[in-house]
């Protein structure tokens, strides 16, 4: 009877330790997914702002510069590679 009780205690401790490790892994995964969700919500807001904006001259210039990397011929562009 004591052996059975000892085995039961050891198995219970093993199951508890496994559950705690799984819980911690799930908390880490939840944190990562919440960060991704925040990034996607920010991206959604930016895209919604672009979608709702008027298609005027400033909008076209902004998209050409940000998305396509286009600039005016007389525009001066400065690059900073010191941190790379």
PDB file of N, CA and C in Angstrom:
ATOM      1  N   UNK A   1       0.815  -1.181   0.000  1.00  0.00           N
ATOM      2  CA  UNK A   1       0.000   0.000   0.000  1.00  0.00           C
ATOM      3  C   UNK A   1       0.871   1.263   0.000  1.00  0.00           C
ATOM      4  N   UNK A   2       1.955   1.251   0.790  1.00  0.00           N
ATOM      5  CA  UNK A   2       2.844   2.411   0.843  1.00  0.00           C
ATOM      6  C   UNK A   2       3.535   2.623  -0.501  1.00  0.00           C
ATOM      7  N   UNK A   3       3.897   1.547  -1.163  1.00  0.00           N
ATOM      8  CA  UNK A   3       4.547   1.652  -2.476  1.00  0.00           C
ATOM      9  C   UNK A   3       3.578   2.271  -3.475  1.00  0.00           C
ATOM     10  N   UNK A   4       2.357   1.825  -3.470  1.00  0.00           N
ATOM     11  CA  UNK A   4       1.334   2.366  -4.367  1.00  0.00           C
ATOM     12  C   UNK A   4       1.112   3.849  -4.084  1.00  0.00           C
ATOM     13  N   UNK A   5       1.052   4.213  -2.824  1.00  0.00           N
ATOM     14  CA  UNK A   5       0.889   5.608  -2.444  1.00  0.00           C
ATOM     15  C   UNK A   5       2.097   6.441  -2.872  1.00  0.00           C
ATOM     16  N   UNK A   6       3.306   5.900  -2.716  1.00  0.00           N
ATOM     17  CA  UNK A   6       4.524   6.594  -3.141  1.00  0.00           C
ATOM     18  C   UNK A   6       4.550   6.795  -4.650  1.00  0.00           C
ATOM     19  N   UNK A   7       4.169   5.774  -5.394  1.00  0.00           N
ATOM     20  CA  UNK A   7       4.118   5.886  -6.860  1.00  0.00           C
ATOM     21  C   UNK A   7       3.077   6.923  -7.264  1.00  0.00           C
ATOM     22  N   UNK A   8       1.953   6.919  -6.599  1.00  0.00           N
ATOM     23  CA  UNK A   8       0.902   7.888  -6.893  1.00  0.00           C
ATOM     24  C   UNK A   8       1.378   9.316  -6.642  1.00  0.00           C
ATOM     25  N   UNK A   9       2.112   9.544  -5.555  1.00  0.00           N
ATOM     26  CA  UNK A   9       2.646  10.878  -5.250  1.00  0.00           C
ATOM     27  C   UNK A   9       3.658  11.296  -6.307  1.00  0.00           C
ATOM     28  N   UNK A  10       4.554  10.397  -6.710  1.00  0.00           N
ATOM     29  CA  UNK A  10       5.570  10.718  -7.714  1.00  0.00           C
ATOM     30  C   UNK A  10       4.904  11.035  -9.054  1.00  0.00           C
ATOM     31  N   UNK A  11       3.928  10.250  -9.438  1.00  0.00           N
ATOM     32  CA  UNK A  11       3.218  10.497 -10.702  1.00  0.00           C
ATOM     33  C   UNK A  11       2.479  11.827 -10.634  1.00  0.00           C
ATOM     34  N   UNK A  12       1.864  12.118  -9.493  1.00  0.00           N
ATOM     35  CA  UNK A  12       1.144  13.384  -9.331  1.00  0.00           C
ATOM     36  C   UNK A  12       2.095  14.567  -9.451  1.00  0.00           C
ATOM     37  N   UNK A  13       3.277  14.464  -8.834  1.00  0.00           N
ATOM     38  CA  UNK A  13       4.270  15.543  -8.947  1.00  0.00           C
ATOM     39  C   UNK A  13       4.718  15.708 -10.390  1.00  0.00           C
ATOM     40  N   UNK A  14       4.921  14.610 -11.098  1.00  0.00           N
ATOM     41  CA  UNK A  14       5.319  14.672 -12.510  1.00  0.00           C
ATOM     42  C   UNK A  14       4.262  15.335 -13.366  1.00  0.00           C
ATOM     43  N   UNK A  15       3.019  14.975 -13.143  1.00  0.00           N
ATOM     44  CA  UNK A  15       1.925  15.574 -13.907  1.00  0.00           C
ATOM     45  C   UNK A  15       1.815  17.065 -13.593  1.00  0.00           C
ATOM     46  N   UNK A  16       1.960  17.431 -12.319  1.00  0.00           N
ATOM     47  CA  UNK A  16       1.894  18.835 -11.929  1.00  0.00           C
ATOM     48  C   UNK A  16       3.026  19.640 -12.568  1.00  0.00           C
ATOM     49  N   UNK A  17       4.248  19.101 -12.547  1.00  0.00           N
ATOM     50  CA  UNK A  17       5.391  19.800 -13.152  1.00  0.00           C
ATOM     51  C   UNK A  17       5.183  19.970 -14.654  1.00  0.00           C
ATOM     52  N   UNK A  18       4.671  18.931 -15.294  1.00  0.00           N
ATOM     53  CA  UNK A  18       4.405  19.012 -16.731  1.00  0.00           C
ATOM     54  C   UNK A  18       3.344  20.072 -17.019  1.00  0.00           C
ATOM     55  N   UNK A  19       2.316  20.143 -16.184  1.00  0.00           N
ATOM     56  CA  UNK A  19       1.253  21.131 -16.370  1.00  0.00           C
ATOM     57  C   UNK A  19       1.787  22.551 -16.195  1.00  0.00           C
ATOM     58  N   UNK A  20       2.657  22.753 -15.222  1.00  0.00           N
ATOM     59  CA  UNK A  20       3.230  24.079 -14.998  1.00  0.00           C
ATOM     60  C   UNK A  20       4.083  24.499 -16.194  1.00  0.00           C
ATOM     61  N   UNK A  21       4.884  23.591 -16.728  1.00  0.00           N
ATOM     62  CA  UNK A  21       5.717  23.924 -17.894  1.00  0.00           C
ATOM     63  C   UNK A  21       4.845  24.234 -19.107  1.00  0.00           C
ATOM     64  N   UNK A  22       3.791  23.480 -19.313  1.00  0.00           N
ATOM     65  CA  UNK A  22       2.880  23.718 -20.434  1.00  0.00           C
ATOM     66  C   UNK A  22       2.183  25.068 -20.263  1.00  0.00           C
ATOM     67  N   UNK A  23       1.779  25.386 -19.036  1.00  0.00           N
ATOM     68  CA  UNK A  23       1.131  26.666 -18.752  1.00  0.00           C
ATOM     69  C   UNK A  23       2.062  27.834 -19.081  1.00  0.00           C
ATOM     70  N   UNK A  24       3.320  27.725 -18.670  1.00  0.00           N
ATOM     71  CA  UNK A  24       4.291  28.786 -18.958  1.00  0.00           C
ATOM     72  C   UNK A  24       4.521  28.925 -20.456  1.00  0.00           C
ATOM     73  N   UNK A  25       4.580  27.814 -21.178  1.00  0.00           N
ATOM     74  CA  UNK A  25       4.750  27.865 -22.630  1.00  0.00           C
ATOM     75  C   UNK A  25       3.543  28.538 -23.282  1.00  0.00           C
ATOM     76  N   UNK A  26       2.355  28.225 -22.792  1.00  0.00           N
ATOM     77  CA  UNK A  26       1.148  28.841 -23.351  1.00  0.00           C
ATOM     78  C   UNK A  26       1.081  30.337 -23.042  1.00  0.00           C
ATOM     79  N   UNK A  27       1.542  30.738 -21.865  1.00  0.00           N
ATOM     80  CA  UNK A  27       1.585  32.174 -21.546  1.00  0.00           C
ATOM     81  C   UNK A  27       2.536  32.913 -22.486  1.00  0.00           C
ATOM     82  N   UNK A  28       3.680  32.320 -22.779  1.00  0.00           N
ATOM     83  CA  UNK A  28       4.639  32.930 -23.702  1.00  0.00           C
ATOM     84  C   UNK A  28       4.046  33.029 -25.108  1.00  0.00           C
ATOM     85  N   UNK A  29       3.375  31.970 -25.536  1.00  0.00           N
ATOM     86  CA  UNK A  29       2.739  31.984 -26.850  1.00  0.00           C
ATOM     87  C   UNK A  29       1.641  33.046 -26.918  1.00  0.00           C
ATOM     88  N   UNK A  30       0.879  33.191 -25.829  1.00  0.00           N
ATOM     89  CA  UNK A  30      -0.166  34.216 -25.779  1.00  0.00           C
ATOM     90  C   UNK A  30       0.441  35.610 -25.893  1.00  0.00           C
ATOM     91  N   UNK A  31       1.550  35.845 -25.208  1.00  0.00           N
ATOM     92  CA  UNK A  31       2.209  37.153 -25.258  1.00  0.00           C
ATOM     93  C   UNK A  31       2.668  37.464 -26.681  1.00  0.00           C
ATOM     94  N   UNK A  32       3.262  36.472 -27.339  1.00  0.00           N
ATOM     95  CA  UNK A  32       3.723  36.676 -28.715  1.00  0.00           C
ATOM     96  C   UNK A  32       2.551  36.955 -29.652  1.00  0.00           C
ATOM     97  N   UNK A  33       1.465  36.217 -29.484  1.00  0.00           N
ATOM     98  CA  UNK A  33       0.300  36.427 -30.343  1.00  0.00           C
ATOM     99  C   UNK A  33      -0.348  37.783 -30.093  1.00  0.00           C
ATOM    100  N   UNK A  34      -0.347  38.247 -28.856  1.00  0.00           N
ATOM    101  CA  UNK A  34      -0.893  39.573 -28.562  1.00  0.00           C
ATOM    102  C   UNK A  34      -0.038  40.668 -29.191  1.00  0.00           C
ATOM    103  N   UNK A  35       1.286  40.476 -29.212  1.00  0.00           N
ATOM    104  CA  UNK A  35       2.163  41.445 -29.877  1.00  0.00           C
ATOM    105  C   UNK A  35       1.890  41.472 -31.379  1.00  0.00           C
ATOM    106  N   UNK A  36       1.739  40.303 -31.977  1.00  0.00           N
ATOM    107  CA  UNK A  36       1.423  40.240 -33.405  1.00  0.00           C
ATOM    108  C   UNK A  36       0.085  40.899 -33.689  1.00  0.00           C
ATOM    109  N   UNK A  37      -0.893  40.656 -32.824  1.00  0.00           N
ATOM    110  CA  UNK A  37      -2.214  41.262 -32.999  1.00  0.00           C
ATOM    111  C   UNK A  37      -2.130  42.776 -32.955  1.00  0.00           C
ATOM    112  N   UNK A  38      -1.346  43.306 -32.024  1.00  0.00           N
ATOM    113  CA  UNK A  38      -1.184  44.757 -31.929  1.00  0.00           C
ATOM    114  C   UNK A  38      -0.533  45.307 -33.196  1.00  0.00           C
ATOM    115  N   UNK A  39       0.473  44.599 -33.722  1.00  0.00           N
ATOM    116  CA  UNK A  39       1.126  45.033 -34.957  1.00  0.00           C
ATOM    117  C   UNK A  39       0.148  45.019 -36.129  1.00  0.00           C
ATOM    118  N   UNK A  40      -0.659  43.964 -36.216  1.00  0.00           N
ATOM    119  CA  UNK A  40      -1.622  43.870 -37.311  1.00  0.00           C
ATOM    120  C   UNK A  40      -2.718  44.919 -37.181  1.00  0.00           C
ATOM    121  N   UNK A  41      -3.129  45.230 -35.961  1.00  0.00           N
ATOM    122  CA  UNK A  41      -4.138  46.271 -35.782  1.00  0.00           C
ATOM    123  C   UNK A  41      -3.594  47.629 -36.197  1.00  0.00           C
ATOM    124  N   UNK A  42      -2.327  47.894 -35.867  1.00  0.00           N
ATOM    125  CA  UNK A  42      -1.706  49.147 -36.281  1.00  0.00           C
ATOM    126  C   UNK A  42      -1.621  49.225 -37.804  1.00  0.00           C
ATOM    127  N   UNK A  43      -1.229  48.107 -38.433  1.00  0.00           N
ATOM    128  CA  UNK A  43      -1.144  48.070 -39.888  1.00  0.00           C
ATOM    129  C   UNK A  43      -2.528  48.268 -40.506  1.00  0.00           C
ATOM    130  N   UNK A  44      -3.541  47.664 -39.893  1.00  0.00           N
ATOM    131  CA  UNK A  44      -4.912  47.806 -40.396  1.00  0.00           C
ATOM    132  C   UNK A  44      -5.362  49.258 -40.328  1.00  0.00           C
ATOM    133  N   UNK A  45      -5.047  49.936 -39.225  1.00  0.00           N
ATOM    134  CA  UNK A  45      -5.429  51.341 -39.078  1.00  0.00           C
ATOM    135  C   UNK A  45      -4.750  52.209 -40.132  1.00  0.00           C
ATOM    136  N   UNK A  46      -3.467  51.943 -40.397  1.00  0.00           N
ATOM    137  CA  UNK A  46      -2.756  52.713 -41.420  1.00  0.00           C
ATOM    138  C   UNK A  46      -3.368  52.479 -42.794  1.00  0.00           C
ATOM    139  N   UNK A  47      -3.670  51.224 -43.100  1.00  0.00           N
ATOM    140  CA  UNK A  47      -4.265  50.920 -44.404  1.00  0.00           C
ATOM    141  C   UNK A  47      -5.676  51.491 -44.518  1.00  0.00           C
ATOM    142  N   UNK A  48      -6.422  51.462 -43.418  1.00  0.00           N
ATOM    143  CA  UNK A  48      -7.764  52.042 -43.444  1.00  0.00           C
ATOM    144  C   UNK A  48      -7.691  53.548 -43.661  1.00  0.00           C
ATOM    145  N   UNK A  49      -6.701  54.189 -43.060  1.00  0.00           N
ATOM    146  CA  UNK A  49      -6.513  55.622 -43.250  1.00  0.00           C
ATOM    147  C   UNK A  49      -6.198  55.922 -44.711  1.00  0.00           C
ATOM    148  N   UNK A  50      -5.349  55.094 -45.312  1.00  0.00           N
ATOM    149  CA  UNK A  50      -5.036  55.283 -46.727  1.00  0.00           C
ATOM    150  C   UNK A  50      -6.275  55.051 -47.598  1.00  0.00           C
ATOM    151  N   UNK A  51      -7.051  54.055 -47.236  1.00  0.00           N
ATOM    152  CA  UNK A  51      -8.247  53.739 -48.010  1.00  0.00           C
ATOM    153  C   UNK A  51      -9.281  54.856 -47.920  1.00  0.00           C
ATOM    154  N   UNK A  52      -9.407  55.464 -46.758  1.00  0.00           N
ATOM    155  CA  UNK A  52     -10.407  56.516 -46.556  1.00  0.00           C
ATOM    156  C   UNK A  52      -9.953  57.882 -47.055  1.00  0.00           C
ATOM    157  N   UNK A  53      -8.675  58.038 -47.328  1.00  0.00           N
ATOM    158  CA  UNK A  53      -8.194  59.349 -47.757  1.00  0.00           C
ATOM    159  C   UNK A  53      -8.574  59.624 -49.213  1.00  0.00           C
ATOM    160  N   UNK A  54      -8.613  60.897 -49.524  1.00  0.00           N
ATOM    161  CA  UNK A  54      -8.944  61.297 -50.883  1.00  0.00           C
ATOM    162  C   UNK A  54      -7.750  61.027 -51.792  1.00  0.00           C
ATOM    163  N   UNK A  55      -8.055  60.785 -53.044  1.00  0.00           N
ATOM    164  CA  UNK A  55      -7.005  60.554 -54.025  1.00  0.00           C
ATOM    165  C   UNK A  55      -6.595  61.888 -54.651  1.00  0.00           C
ATOM    166  N   UNK A  56      -5.982  62.724 -53.843  1.00  0.00           N
ATOM    167  CA  UNK A  56      -5.525  64.007 -54.332  1.00  0.00           C
ATOM    168  C   UNK A  56      -4.016  63.947 -54.595  1.00  0.00           C
ATOM    169  N   UNK A  57      -3.451  65.070 -54.936  1.00  0.00           N
ATOM    170  CA  UNK A  57      -2.034  65.142 -55.301  1.00  0.00           C
ATOM    171  C   UNK A  57      -1.127  64.709 -54.153  1.00  0.00           C
ATOM    172  N   UNK A  58      -1.412  65.166 -52.944  1.00  0.00           N
ATOM    173  CA  UNK A  58      -0.577  64.820 -51.791  1.00  0.00           C
ATOM    174  C   UNK A  58      -0.610  63.321 -51.515  1.00  0.00           C
ATOM    175  N   UNK A  59      -1.783  62.708 -51.684  1.00  0.00           N
ATOM    176  CA  UNK A  59      -1.911  61.274 -51.469  1.00  0.00           C
ATOM    177  C   UNK A  59      -1.067  60.500 -52.480  1.00  0.00           C
ATOM    178  N   UNK A  60      -1.147  60.900 -53.717  1.00  0.00           N
ATOM    179  CA  UNK A  60      -0.389  60.217 -54.768  1.00  0.00           C
ATOM    180  C   UNK A  60       1.107  60.358 -54.520  1.00  0.00           C
ATOM    181  N   UNK A  61       1.564  61.522 -54.131  1.00  0.00           N
ATOM    182  CA  UNK A  61       2.981  61.746 -53.838  1.00  0.00           C
ATOM    183  C   UNK A  61       3.405  60.907 -52.634  1.00  0.00           C
ATOM    184  N   UNK A  62       2.572  60.859 -51.613  1.00  0.00           N
ATOM    185  CA  UNK A  62       2.894  60.087 -50.408  1.00  0.00           C
ATOM    186  C   UNK A  62       3.040  58.601 -50.738  1.00  0.00           C
ATOM    187  N   UNK A  63       2.119  58.046 -51.478  1.00  0.00           N
ATOM    188  CA  UNK A  63       2.184  56.632 -51.856  1.00  0.00           C
ATOM    189  C   UNK A  63       3.394  56.376 -52.742  1.00  0.00           C
ATOM    190  N   UNK A  64       3.672  57.256 -53.672  1.00  0.00           N
ATOM    191  CA  UNK A  64       4.818  57.082 -54.560  1.00  0.00           C
ATOM    192  C   UNK A  64       6.122  57.066 -53.763  1.00  0.00           C
ATOM    193  N   UNK A  65       6.223  57.899 -52.756  1.00  0.00           N
ATOM    194  CA  UNK A  65       7.448  57.952 -51.953  1.00  0.00           C
ATOM    195  C   UNK A  65       7.546  56.774 -50.994  1.00  0.00           C
ATOM    196  N   UNK A  66       6.478  56.490 -50.253  1.00  0.00           N
ATOM    197  CA  UNK A  66       6.532  55.460 -49.210  1.00  0.00           C
ATOM    198  C   UNK A  66       6.505  54.044 -49.776  1.00  0.00           C
ATOM    199  N   UNK A  67       5.600  53.785 -50.692  1.00  0.00           N
ATOM    200  CA  UNK A  67       5.402  52.421 -51.169  1.00  0.00           C
ATOM    201  C   UNK A  67       6.302  52.064 -52.352  1.00  0.00           C
ATOM    202  N   UNK A  68       6.516  53.014 -53.246  1.00  0.00           N
ATOM    203  CA  UNK A  68       7.253  52.715 -54.471  1.00  0.00           C
ATOM    204  C   UNK A  68       8.684  53.227 -54.468  1.00  0.00           C
ATOM    205  N   UNK A  69       9.026  54.087 -53.515  1.00  0.00           N
ATOM    206  CA  UNK A  69      10.388  54.607 -53.440  1.00  0.00           C
ATOM    207  C   UNK A  69      10.704  55.611 -54.535  1.00  0.00           C
ATOM    208  N   UNK A  70       9.703  56.286 -55.053  1.00  0.00           N
ATOM    209  CA  UNK A  70       9.901  57.266 -56.116  1.00  0.00           C
ATOM    210  C   UNK A  70      10.057  58.665 -55.523  1.00  0.00           C
ATOM    211  N   UNK A  71      10.858  59.492 -56.184  1.00  0.00           N
ATOM    212  CA  UNK A  71      11.091  60.861 -55.732  1.00  0.00           C
ATOM    213  C   UNK A  71      11.119  61.791 -56.933  1.00  0.00           C
ATOM    214  N   UNK A  72      10.968  63.087 -56.664  1.00  0.00           N
ATOM    215  CA  UNK A  72      11.047  64.077 -57.729  1.00  0.00           C
ATOM    216  C   UNK A  72      12.495  64.217 -58.184  1.00  0.00           C
ATOM    217  N   UNK A  73      12.718  64.580 -59.464  1.00  0.00           N
ATOM    218  CA  UNK A  73      14.087  64.695 -59.975  1.00  0.00           C
ATOM    219  C   UNK A  73      14.916  65.772 -59.263  1.00  0.00           C
ATOM    220  N   UNK A  74      14.288  66.829 -58.817  1.00  0.00           N
ATOM    221  CA  UNK A  74      15.031  67.913 -58.176  1.00  0.00           C
ATOM    222  C   UNK A  74      15.089  67.765 -56.652  1.00  0.00           C
ATOM    223  N   UNK A  75      14.599  66.661 -56.125  1.00  0.00           N
ATOM    224  CA  UNK A  75      14.561  66.435 -54.682  1.00  0.00           C
ATOM    225  C   UNK A  75      15.910  65.885 -54.209  1.00  0.00           C
ATOM    226  N   UNK A  76      16.392  66.393 -53.092  1.00  0.00           N
ATOM    227  CA  UNK A  76      17.651  65.910 -52.527  1.00  0.00           C
ATOM    228  C   UNK A  76      17.340  64.857 -51.468  1.00  0.00           C
ATOM    229  N   UNK A  77      17.987  63.698 -51.587  1.00  0.00           N
ATOM    230  CA  UNK A  77      17.759  62.584 -50.671  1.00  0.00           C
ATOM    231  C   UNK A  77      19.052  62.349 -49.892  1.00  0.00           C
ATOM    232  N   UNK A  78      18.950  62.244 -48.577  1.00  0.00           N
ATOM    233  CA  UNK A  78      20.108  61.980 -47.727  1.00  0.00           C
ATOM    234  C   UNK A  78      19.932  60.622 -47.053  1.00  0.00           C
ATOM    235  N   UNK A  79      20.996  59.816 -47.067  1.00  0.00           N
ATOM    236  CA  UNK A  79      20.963  58.508 -46.443  1.00  0.00           C
ATOM    237  C   UNK A  79      21.920  58.481 -45.253  1.00  0.00           C
ATOM    238  N   UNK A  80      21.576  57.712 -44.257  1.00  0.00           N
ATOM    239  CA  UNK A  80      22.427  57.579 -43.093  1.00  0.00           C
ATOM    240  C   UNK A  80      22.689  56.092 -42.880  1.00  0.00           C
ATOM    241  N   UNK A  81      23.931  55.625 -43.176  1.00  0.00           N
ATOM    242  CA  UNK A  81      24.271  54.212 -42.988  1.00  0.00           C
ATOM    243  C   UNK A  81      25.196  54.021 -41.790  1.00  0.00           C
ATOM    244  N   UNK A  82      25.344  54.974 -40.957  1.00  0.00           N
ATOM    245  CA  UNK A  82      26.299  54.872 -39.854  1.00  0.00           C
ATOM    246  C   UNK A  82      25.939  53.782 -38.866  1.00  0.00           C
ATOM    247  N   UNK A  83      24.667  53.512 -38.667  1.00  0.00           N
ATOM    248  CA  UNK A  83      24.251  52.521 -37.702  1.00  0.00           C
ATOM    249  C   UNK A  83      24.321  51.087 -38.237  1.00  0.00           C
ATOM    250  N   UNK A  84      24.554  50.935 -39.504  1.00  0.00           N
ATOM    251  CA  UNK A  84      24.565  49.585 -40.097  1.00  0.00           C
ATOM    252  C   UNK A  84      25.916  48.970 -40.083  1.00  0.00           C
TER     253      UNK A  84
END
